[in-house]
Amino acid sequence: MTRKPVIFGNWKMNKTPSEAAEFMKGIEEVLTGTEAADYGIGAPYVDLDVCVKAAKNLLIAAENCHEKDSGAYTGEVSVPMLKEIGITYCIIGHSERRTYYNETDAACAAKCKRLFADNITPILCVGETEAEYDAGKTEEVVKSQLAGSLAGLTAEEVSKMVIAYEPIWAIGTGKSADVNTAEACCKLVRETVKSLYDEATAQAVRIQYGGSVKPTNIKEYMACEDIDGALIGGASLKVESFKEIIDATK
């Protein structure tokens, strides 16, 4: 099965709306001839409306959501709110949310389920810590996170989502998993989806690698059989470096 590559930047807590508007103006100018892949940006809530209105070819993702439609959840943003402003993707379970805000696999599953109800595609993040990696627990951790975070989702839903394997020790550290390690772990994700669902679902789901992905190394990752894209942090903050990534992959 041929899977369409999917490459997203993740701004995290960076860029004011005016800075986001400036970025969008610069990046849209280079997004021509990119129909063979999906390119997008995950942006803070306050930037989303600006980004959606400026986007012609770029997909826009929220960086989180709440599983409830409304209620007394101060500081949270619901899926219907995201839907109304035109959001089509949403990052779920990023390691920073799991670490700093104690986000659980069960919470990730509930959020993914709610996103699908409004036809918003989840980008589900999984990955191990450096201590877990050093202890040889990568397979155990990734399988457990997937089983918990996909609980309650149908095969049809999972086949439409994106799963990002991000080793926590490679996020924002300048370290990156070597190509063989990244490919082996993305293959592990696909094999786990197969064991939880079936071969067709495993072959359909798009799997990203994330963790210090840069213009200088993305081609190596994208050449791997089980890596369908990348979730990019620091290199997505500047038009120049994100343009280099687009040029290297389109």
C-alpha atoms as a PDB file:
ATOM      1  CA  MET A   1       0.000   0.000   0.000  1.00  0.00           C
ATOM      2  CA  THR A   2       1.229   3.474  -0.880  1.00  0.00           C
ATOM      3  CA  ARG A   3       0.806   5.839   2.046  1.00  0.00           C
ATOM      4  CA  LYS A   4       0.867   9.592   1.491  1.00  0.00           C
ATOM      5  CA  PRO A   5       3.747  11.163   3.437  1.00  0.00           C
ATOM      6  CA  VAL A   6       2.676  13.477   6.264  1.00  0.00           C
ATOM      7  CA  ILE A   7       5.054  16.068   7.688  1.00  0.00           C
ATOM      8  CA  PHE A   8       4.014  18.382  10.509  1.00  0.00           C
ATOM      9  CA  GLY A   9       5.792  21.063  12.439  1.00  0.00           C
ATOM     10  CA  ASN A  10       4.962  21.451  16.125  1.00  0.00           C
ATOM     11  CA  TRP A  11       5.485  24.978  17.398  1.00  0.00           C
ATOM     12  CA  LYS A  12       4.734  24.066  21.019  1.00  0.00           C
ATOM     13  CA  MET A  13       4.463  27.281  23.104  1.00  0.00           C
ATOM     14  CA  ASN A  14       6.057  29.552  20.529  1.00  0.00           C
ATOM     15  CA  LYS A  15       4.915  32.412  18.265  1.00  0.00           C
ATOM     16  CA  THR A  16       2.462  35.211  18.929  1.00  0.00           C
ATOM     17  CA  PRO A  17      -0.375  35.627  16.400  1.00  0.00           C
ATOM     18  CA  SER A  18       1.589  38.315  14.537  1.00  0.00           C
ATOM     19  CA  GLU A  19       4.634  36.048  14.368  1.00  0.00           C
ATOM     20  CA  ALA A  20       2.434  33.191  13.171  1.00  0.00           C
ATOM     21  CA  ALA A  21       0.984  35.402  10.432  1.00  0.00           C
ATOM     22  CA  GLU A  22       4.478  36.331   9.265  1.00  0.00           C
ATOM     23  CA  PHE A  23       5.508  32.667   9.159  1.00  0.00           C
ATOM     24  CA  MET A  24       2.407  31.686   7.209  1.00  0.00           C
ATOM     25  CA  LYS A  25       3.032  34.374   4.628  1.00  0.00           C
ATOM     26  CA  GLY A  26       6.557  33.122   4.091  1.00  0.00           C
ATOM     27  CA  ILE A  27       5.826  29.405   4.035  1.00  0.00           C
ATOM     28  CA  GLU A  28       2.790  29.492   1.748  1.00  0.00           C
ATOM     29  CA  GLU A  29       4.982  31.007  -0.957  1.00  0.00           C
ATOM     30  CA  VAL A  30       7.050  27.804  -1.127  1.00  0.00           C
ATOM     31  CA  LEU A  31       4.186  25.314  -0.867  1.00  0.00           C
ATOM     32  CA  THR A  32       3.824  24.680  -4.571  1.00  0.00           C
ATOM     33  CA  GLY A  33       4.233  21.299  -6.180  1.00  0.00           C
ATOM     34  CA  THR A  34       3.706  19.583  -2.827  1.00  0.00           C
ATOM     35  CA  GLU A  35       0.603  17.572  -3.670  1.00  0.00           C
ATOM     36  CA  ALA A  36       2.451  14.276  -3.198  1.00  0.00           C
ATOM     37  CA  ALA A  37       2.689  14.838   0.569  1.00  0.00           C
ATOM     38  CA  ASP A  38       0.678  16.446   3.360  1.00  0.00           C
ATOM     39  CA  TYR A  39       2.421  19.332   5.120  1.00  0.00           C
ATOM     40  CA  GLY A  40       1.126  21.002   8.252  1.00  0.00           C
ATOM     41  CA  ILE A  41       1.829  22.995  11.402  1.00  0.00           C
ATOM     42  CA  GLY A  42       0.686  22.393  14.967  1.00  0.00           C
ATOM     43  CA  ALA A  43       0.167  25.783  16.586  1.00  0.00           C
ATOM     44  CA  PRO A  44      -0.853  27.225  19.983  1.00  0.00           C
ATOM     45  CA  TYR A  45      -4.556  27.898  20.420  1.00  0.00           C
ATOM     46  CA  VAL A  46      -4.223  31.679  20.025  1.00  0.00           C
ATOM     47  CA  ASP A  47      -2.502  31.238  16.645  1.00  0.00           C
ATOM     48  CA  LEU A  48      -4.936  28.754  15.129  1.00  0.00           C
ATOM     49  CA  ASP A  49      -7.435  31.190  13.634  1.00  0.00           C
ATOM     50  CA  VAL A  50      -4.649  33.265  12.080  1.00  0.00           C
ATOM     51  CA  CYS A  51      -3.048  30.146  10.603  1.00  0.00           C
ATOM     52  CA  VAL A  52      -6.276  28.674   9.240  1.00  0.00           C
ATOM     53  CA  LYS A  53      -7.211  31.929   7.519  1.00  0.00           C
ATOM     54  CA  ALA A  54      -3.760  32.223   5.938  1.00  0.00           C
ATOM     55  CA  ALA A  55      -3.429  28.572   4.933  1.00  0.00           C
ATOM     56  CA  LYS A  56      -3.951  27.594   1.314  1.00  0.00           C
ATOM     57  CA  ASN A  57      -1.849  24.454   1.087  1.00  0.00           C
ATOM     58  CA  LEU A  58      -0.748  23.964   4.697  1.00  0.00           C
ATOM     59  CA  LEU A  59      -2.775  21.822   7.108  1.00  0.00           C
ATOM     60  CA  ILE A  60      -3.292  23.287  10.580  1.00  0.00           C
ATOM     61  CA  ALA A  61      -3.327  21.229  13.774  1.00  0.00           C
ATOM     62  CA  ALA A  62      -4.146  22.073  17.360  1.00  0.00           C
ATOM     63  CA  GLU A  63      -1.613  20.856  19.917  1.00  0.00           C
ATOM     64  CA  ASN A  64      -4.216  19.443  22.299  1.00  0.00           C
ATOM     65  CA  CYS A  65      -7.954  19.324  22.974  1.00  0.00           C
ATOM     66  CA  HIS A  66     -10.412  18.332  25.696  1.00  0.00           C
ATOM     67  CA  GLU A  67     -12.591  15.263  25.315  1.00  0.00           C
ATOM     68  CA  LYS A  68     -15.718  16.996  26.660  1.00  0.00           C
ATOM     69  CA  ASP A  69     -17.794  19.287  24.442  1.00  0.00           C
ATOM     70  CA  SER A  70     -18.269  21.999  27.067  1.00  0.00           C
ATOM     71  CA  GLY A  71     -18.381  22.555  30.804  1.00  0.00           C
ATOM     72  CA  ALA A  72     -16.485  23.785  33.837  1.00  0.00           C
ATOM     73  CA  TYR A  73     -12.988  23.012  32.543  1.00  0.00           C
ATOM     74  CA  THR A  74     -11.173  26.308  32.954  1.00  0.00           C
ATOM     75  CA  GLY A  75      -8.405  26.828  30.428  1.00  0.00           C
ATOM     76  CA  GLU A  76      -9.456  23.966  28.152  1.00  0.00           C
ATOM     77  CA  VAL A  77     -10.561  23.978  24.502  1.00  0.00           C
ATOM     78  CA  SER A  78     -13.142  21.573  23.090  1.00  0.00           C
ATOM     79  CA  VAL A  79     -13.235  19.740  19.778  1.00  0.00           C
ATOM     80  CA  PRO A  80     -16.349  21.642  18.563  1.00  0.00           C
ATOM     81  CA  MET A  81     -14.438  24.897  19.135  1.00  0.00           C
ATOM     82  CA  LEU A  82     -11.572  23.604  17.004  1.00  0.00           C
ATOM     83  CA  LYS A  83     -13.933  22.292  14.357  1.00  0.00           C
ATOM     84  CA  GLU A  84     -15.699  25.634  13.983  1.00  0.00           C
ATOM     85  CA  ILE A  85     -12.498  27.510  13.151  1.00  0.00           C
ATOM     86  CA  GLY A  86     -11.447  24.926  10.562  1.00  0.00           C
ATOM     87  CA  ILE A  87      -8.949  22.694  12.357  1.00  0.00           C
ATOM     88  CA  THR A  88      -8.432  19.341  10.608  1.00  0.00           C
ATOM     89  CA  TYR A  89      -5.661  17.729  12.713  1.00  0.00           C
ATOM     90  CA  CYS A  90      -4.835  17.618  16.422  1.00  0.00           C
ATOM     91  CA  ILE A  91      -1.701  16.419  18.227  1.00  0.00           C
ATOM     92  CA  ILE A  92      -2.556  14.084  21.105  1.00  0.00           C
ATOM     93  CA  GLY A  93      -0.386  12.660  23.883  1.00  0.00           C
ATOM     94  CA  HIS A  94       2.833  14.503  23.145  1.00  0.00           C
ATOM     95  CA  SER A  95       5.476  13.494  25.678  1.00  0.00           C
ATOM     96  CA  GLU A  96       5.501  17.004  27.126  1.00  0.00           C
ATOM     97  CA  ARG A  97       1.790  16.692  27.897  1.00  0.00           C
ATOM     98  CA  ARG A  98       2.266  13.207  29.303  1.00  0.00           C
ATOM     99  CA  THR A  99       5.184  14.396  31.456  1.00  0.00           C
ATOM    100  CA  TYR A 100       4.160  17.882  32.607  1.00  0.00           C
ATOM    101  CA  TYR A 101       0.381  17.429  32.758  1.00  0.00           C
ATOM    102  CA  ASN A 102       0.142  13.736  33.633  1.00  0.00           C
ATOM    103  CA  GLU A 103      -1.814  12.939  30.479  1.00  0.00           C
ATOM    104  CA  THR A 104      -2.706   9.247  30.496  1.00  0.00           C
ATOM    105  CA  ASP A 105      -3.239   6.708  27.740  1.00  0.00           C
ATOM    106  CA  ALA A 106      -6.929   6.627  28.678  1.00  0.00           C
ATOM    107  CA  ALA A 107      -7.187  10.400  28.246  1.00  0.00           C
ATOM    108  CA  CYS A 108      -5.483  10.120  24.862  1.00  0.00           C
ATOM    109  CA  ALA A 109      -7.963   7.455  23.772  1.00  0.00           C
ATOM    110  CA  ALA A 110     -10.928   9.610  24.835  1.00  0.00           C
ATOM    111  CA  LYS A 111      -9.558  12.620  22.974  1.00  0.00           C
ATOM    112  CA  CYS A 112      -8.896  10.611  19.811  1.00  0.00           C
ATOM    113  CA  LYS A 113     -12.413   9.184  19.894  1.00  0.00           C
ATOM    114  CA  ARG A 114     -13.924  12.652  20.284  1.00  0.00           C
ATOM    115  CA  LEU A 115     -11.819  14.069  17.446  1.00  0.00           C
ATOM    116  CA  PHE A 116     -13.005  11.374  15.057  1.00  0.00           C
ATOM    117  CA  ALA A 117     -16.615  12.263  15.868  1.00  0.00           C
ATOM    118  CA  ASP A 118     -15.945  15.646  14.230  1.00  0.00           C
ATOM    119  CA  ASN A 119     -13.706  14.285  11.458  1.00  0.00           C
ATOM    120  CA  ILE A 120     -10.516  15.769  12.889  1.00  0.00           C
ATOM    121  CA  THR A 121      -7.470  13.539  12.454  1.00  0.00           C
ATOM    122  CA  PRO A 122      -5.462  12.764  15.610  1.00  0.00           C
ATOM    123  CA  ILE A 123      -1.681  12.692  15.529  1.00  0.00           C
ATOM    124  CA  LEU A 124      -1.072  10.338  18.445  1.00  0.00           C
ATOM    125  CA  CYS A 125       2.386  10.499  20.020  1.00  0.00           C
ATOM    126  CA  VAL A 126       4.127   7.567  21.699  1.00  0.00           C
ATOM    127  CA  GLY A 127       7.701   7.027  22.818  1.00  0.00           C
ATOM    128  CA  GLU A 128      10.022   5.988  25.614  1.00  0.00           C
ATOM    129  CA  THR A 129      12.278   7.912  27.996  1.00  0.00           C
ATOM    130  CA  GLU A 130      16.052   7.635  27.863  1.00  0.00           C
ATOM    131  CA  ALA A 131      16.043   5.473  31.006  1.00  0.00           C
ATOM    132  CA  GLU A 132      13.503   3.128  29.423  1.00  0.00           C
ATOM    133  CA  TYR A 133      15.538   3.030  26.211  1.00  0.00           C
ATOM    134  CA  ASP A 134      18.751   2.239  28.105  1.00  0.00           C
ATOM    135  CA  ALA A 135      16.933  -0.497  30.049  1.00  0.00           C
ATOM    136  CA  GLY A 136      15.763  -2.133  26.821  1.00  0.00           C
ATOM    137  CA  LYS A 137      12.107  -1.341  27.532  1.00  0.00           C
ATOM    138  CA  THR A 138      11.268   0.472  24.281  1.00  0.00           C
ATOM    139  CA  GLU A 139       9.082  -2.330  22.930  1.00  0.00           C
ATOM    140  CA  GLU A 140       7.251  -2.780  26.230  1.00  0.00           C
ATOM    141  CA  VAL A 141       6.555   0.955  26.607  1.00  0.00           C
ATOM    142  CA  VAL A 142       5.453   1.565  23.023  1.00  0.00           C
ATOM    143  CA  LYS A 143       3.154  -1.461  22.985  1.00  0.00           C
ATOM    144  CA  SER A 144       1.584  -0.414  26.283  1.00  0.00           C
ATOM    145  CA  GLN A 145       1.059   3.183  25.171  1.00  0.00           C
ATOM    146  CA  LEU A 146      -0.533   2.076  21.910  1.00  0.00           C
ATOM    147  CA  ALA A 147      -2.831  -0.456  23.551  1.00  0.00           C
ATOM    148  CA  GLY A 148      -4.052   2.148  26.040  1.00  0.00           C
ATOM    149  CA  SER A 149      -4.220   5.129  23.700  1.00  0.00           C
ATOM    150  CA  LEU A 150      -6.077   3.248  20.946  1.00  0.00           C
ATOM    151  CA  ALA A 151      -8.549   1.576  23.314  1.00  0.00           C
ATOM    152  CA  GLY A 152     -12.097   1.965  22.048  1.00  0.00           C
ATOM    153  CA  LEU A 153     -11.099   3.098  18.569  1.00  0.00           C
ATOM    154  CA  THR A 154     -12.315   1.132  15.563  1.00  0.00           C
ATOM    155  CA  ALA A 155     -10.043  -0.261  12.864  1.00  0.00           C
ATOM    156  CA  GLU A 156     -11.508   2.273  10.433  1.00  0.00           C
ATOM    157  CA  GLU A 157     -10.618   5.133  12.772  1.00  0.00           C
ATOM    158  CA  VAL A 158      -7.090   3.901  13.408  1.00  0.00           C
ATOM    159  CA  SER A 159      -6.480   3.452   9.683  1.00  0.00           C
ATOM    160  CA  LYS A 160      -7.176   7.170   9.192  1.00  0.00           C
ATOM    161  CA  MET A 161      -5.013   8.502  12.010  1.00  0.00           C
ATOM    162  CA  VAL A 162      -1.356   9.420  12.251  1.00  0.00           C
ATOM    163  CA  ILE A 163       0.896   7.894  14.916  1.00  0.00           C
ATOM    164  CA  ALA A 164       4.130   9.685  15.779  1.00  0.00           C
ATOM    165  CA  TYR A 165       6.925   7.681  17.366  1.00  0.00           C
ATOM    166  CA  GLU A 166       8.986  10.176  19.359  1.00  0.00           C
ATOM    167  CA  PRO A 167      11.721   8.865  21.647  1.00  0.00           C
ATOM    168  CA  ILE A 168      11.621  11.345  24.521  1.00  0.00           C
ATOM    169  CA  TRP A 169      15.399  11.384  24.774  1.00  0.00           C
ATOM    170  CA  ALA A 170      15.587  12.812  21.235  1.00  0.00           C
ATOM    171  CA  ILE A 171      13.040  15.632  21.608  1.00  0.00           C
ATOM    172  CA  GLY A 172      14.669  19.040  21.739  1.00  0.00           C
ATOM    173  CA  THR A 173      17.978  17.553  22.834  1.00  0.00           C
ATOM    174  CA  GLY A 174      19.847  17.709  19.555  1.00  0.00           C
ATOM    175  CA  LYS A 175      20.127  13.921  19.715  1.00  0.00           C
ATOM    176  CA  SER A 176      18.240  11.884  17.168  1.00  0.00           C
ATOM    177  CA  ALA A 177      17.663   8.172  16.834  1.00  0.00           C
ATOM    178  CA  ASP A 178      19.829   6.698  14.109  1.00  0.00           C
ATOM    179  CA  VAL A 179      17.959   5.642  10.997  1.00  0.00           C
ATOM    180  CA  ASN A 180      17.993   1.935  11.844  1.00  0.00           C
ATOM    181  CA  THR A 181      16.610   2.565  15.340  1.00  0.00           C
ATOM    182  CA  ALA A 182      13.922   4.928  14.052  1.00  0.00           C
ATOM    183  CA  GLU A 183      12.852   2.470  11.358  1.00  0.00           C
ATOM    184  CA  ALA A 184      12.800  -0.453  13.805  1.00  0.00           C
ATOM    185  CA  CYS A 185      10.616   1.491  16.240  1.00  0.00           C
ATOM    186  CA  CYS A 186       8.217   2.698  13.544  1.00  0.00           C
ATOM    187  CA  LYS A 187       7.997  -0.899  12.325  1.00  0.00           C
ATOM    188  CA  LEU A 188       7.220  -1.894  15.923  1.00  0.00           C
ATOM    189  CA  VAL A 189       4.353   0.612  15.928  1.00  0.00           C
ATOM    190  CA  ARG A 190       2.969  -0.883  12.715  1.00  0.00           C
ATOM    191  CA  GLU A 191       3.305  -4.446  14.002  1.00  0.00           C
ATOM    192  CA  THR A 192       1.570  -3.481  17.247  1.00  0.00           C
ATOM    193  CA  VAL A 193      -1.331  -1.948  15.320  1.00  0.00           C
ATOM    194  CA  LYS A 194      -1.537  -5.192  13.336  1.00  0.00           C
ATOM    195  CA  SER A 195      -1.702  -7.241  16.538  1.00  0.00           C
ATOM    196  CA  LEU A 196      -4.386  -4.950  17.985  1.00  0.00           C
ATOM    197  CA  TYR A 197      -6.407  -4.749  14.758  1.00  0.00           C
ATOM    198  CA  ASP A 198      -5.400  -6.353  11.446  1.00  0.00           C
ATOM    199  CA  GLU A 199      -2.955  -6.189   8.544  1.00  0.00           C
ATOM    200  CA  ALA A 200      -5.060  -3.761   6.494  1.00  0.00           C
ATOM    201  CA  THR A 201      -5.264  -1.272   9.357  1.00  0.00           C
ATOM    202  CA  ALA A 202      -1.534  -1.556  10.019  1.00  0.00           C
ATOM    203  CA  GLN A 203      -0.725  -0.932   6.367  1.00  0.00           C
ATOM    204  CA  ALA A 204      -3.061   2.073   6.181  1.00  0.00           C
ATOM    205  CA  VAL A 205      -1.996   3.992   9.302  1.00  0.00           C
ATOM    206  CA  ARG A 206       0.632   6.645   8.684  1.00  0.00           C
ATOM    207  CA  ILE A 207       3.590   6.635  11.072  1.00  0.00           C
ATOM    208  CA  GLN A 208       5.868   9.593  11.724  1.00  0.00           C
ATOM    209  CA  TYR A 209       9.266   9.749  13.364  1.00  0.00           C
ATOM    210  CA  GLY A 210       9.930  12.727  15.623  1.00  0.00           C
ATOM    211  CA  GLY A 211      12.970  13.780  17.603  1.00  0.00           C
ATOM    212  CA  SER A 212      15.503  16.380  16.437  1.00  0.00           C
ATOM    213  CA  VAL A 213      14.495  16.007  12.788  1.00  0.00           C
ATOM    214  CA  LYS A 214      16.361  18.542  10.662  1.00  0.00           C
ATOM    215  CA  PRO A 215      16.784  19.401   6.971  1.00  0.00           C
ATOM    216  CA  THR A 216      20.085  17.510   7.058  1.00  0.00           C
ATOM    217  CA  ASN A 217      18.642  14.170   8.200  1.00  0.00           C
ATOM    218  CA  ILE A 218      15.018  14.015   7.068  1.00  0.00           C
ATOM    219  CA  LYS A 219      15.755  12.344   3.713  1.00  0.00           C
ATOM    220  CA  GLU A 220      17.357   9.400   5.500  1.00  0.00           C
ATOM    221  CA  TYR A 221      14.300   8.884   7.679  1.00  0.00           C
ATOM    222  CA  MET A 222      11.846   9.279   4.810  1.00  0.00           C
ATOM    223  CA  ALA A 223      13.661   6.588   2.820  1.00  0.00           C
ATOM    224  CA  CYS A 224      12.655   3.982   5.423  1.00  0.00           C
ATOM    225  CA  GLU A 225       9.825   1.595   4.591  1.00  0.00           C
ATOM    226  CA  ASP A 226       7.820   2.142   7.772  1.00  0.00           C
ATOM    227  CA  ILE A 227       8.424   5.879   8.225  1.00  0.00           C
ATOM    228  CA  ASP A 228       5.723   7.867   6.457  1.00  0.00           C
ATOM    229  CA  GLY A 229       6.590  11.310   7.734  1.00  0.00           C
ATOM    230  CA  ALA A 230       7.971  13.406  10.548  1.00  0.00           C
ATOM    231  CA  LEU A 231       6.816  15.509  13.491  1.00  0.00           C
ATOM    232  CA  ILE A 232       9.255  18.385  13.699  1.00  0.00           C
ATOM    233  CA  GLY A 233       9.883  20.754  16.578  1.00  0.00           C
ATOM    234  CA  GLY A 234      12.662  23.347  16.451  1.00  0.00           C
ATOM    235  CA  ALA A 235      13.224  23.138  12.706  1.00  0.00           C
ATOM    236  CA  SER A 236       9.604  24.162  12.094  1.00  0.00           C
ATOM    237  CA  LEU A 237       9.943  27.517  13.848  1.00  0.00           C
ATOM    238  CA  LYS A 238      11.792  29.276  11.031  1.00  0.00           C
ATOM    239  CA  VAL A 239      10.518  29.583   7.488  1.00  0.00           C
ATOM    240  CA  GLU A 240      13.989  28.872   6.103  1.00  0.00           C
ATOM    241  CA  SER A 241      14.527  25.542   7.874  1.00  0.00           C
ATOM    242  CA  PHE A 242      10.945  24.346   7.345  1.00  0.00           C
ATOM    243  CA  LYS A 243      11.254  25.290   3.668  1.00  0.00           C
ATOM    244  CA  GLU A 244      14.404  23.167   3.460  1.00  0.00           C
ATOM    245  CA  ILE A 245      12.475  20.248   4.930  1.00  0.00           C
ATOM    246  CA  ILE A 246       9.671  20.736   2.402  1.00  0.00           C
ATOM    247  CA  ASP A 247      12.144  20.963  -0.476  1.00  0.00           C
ATOM    248  CA  ALA A 248      13.891  17.801   0.718  1.00  0.00           C
ATOM    249  CA  THR A 249      10.681  15.775   0.813  1.00  0.00           C
ATOM    250  CA  LYS A 250       8.353  17.033  -1.903  1.00  0.00           C
END
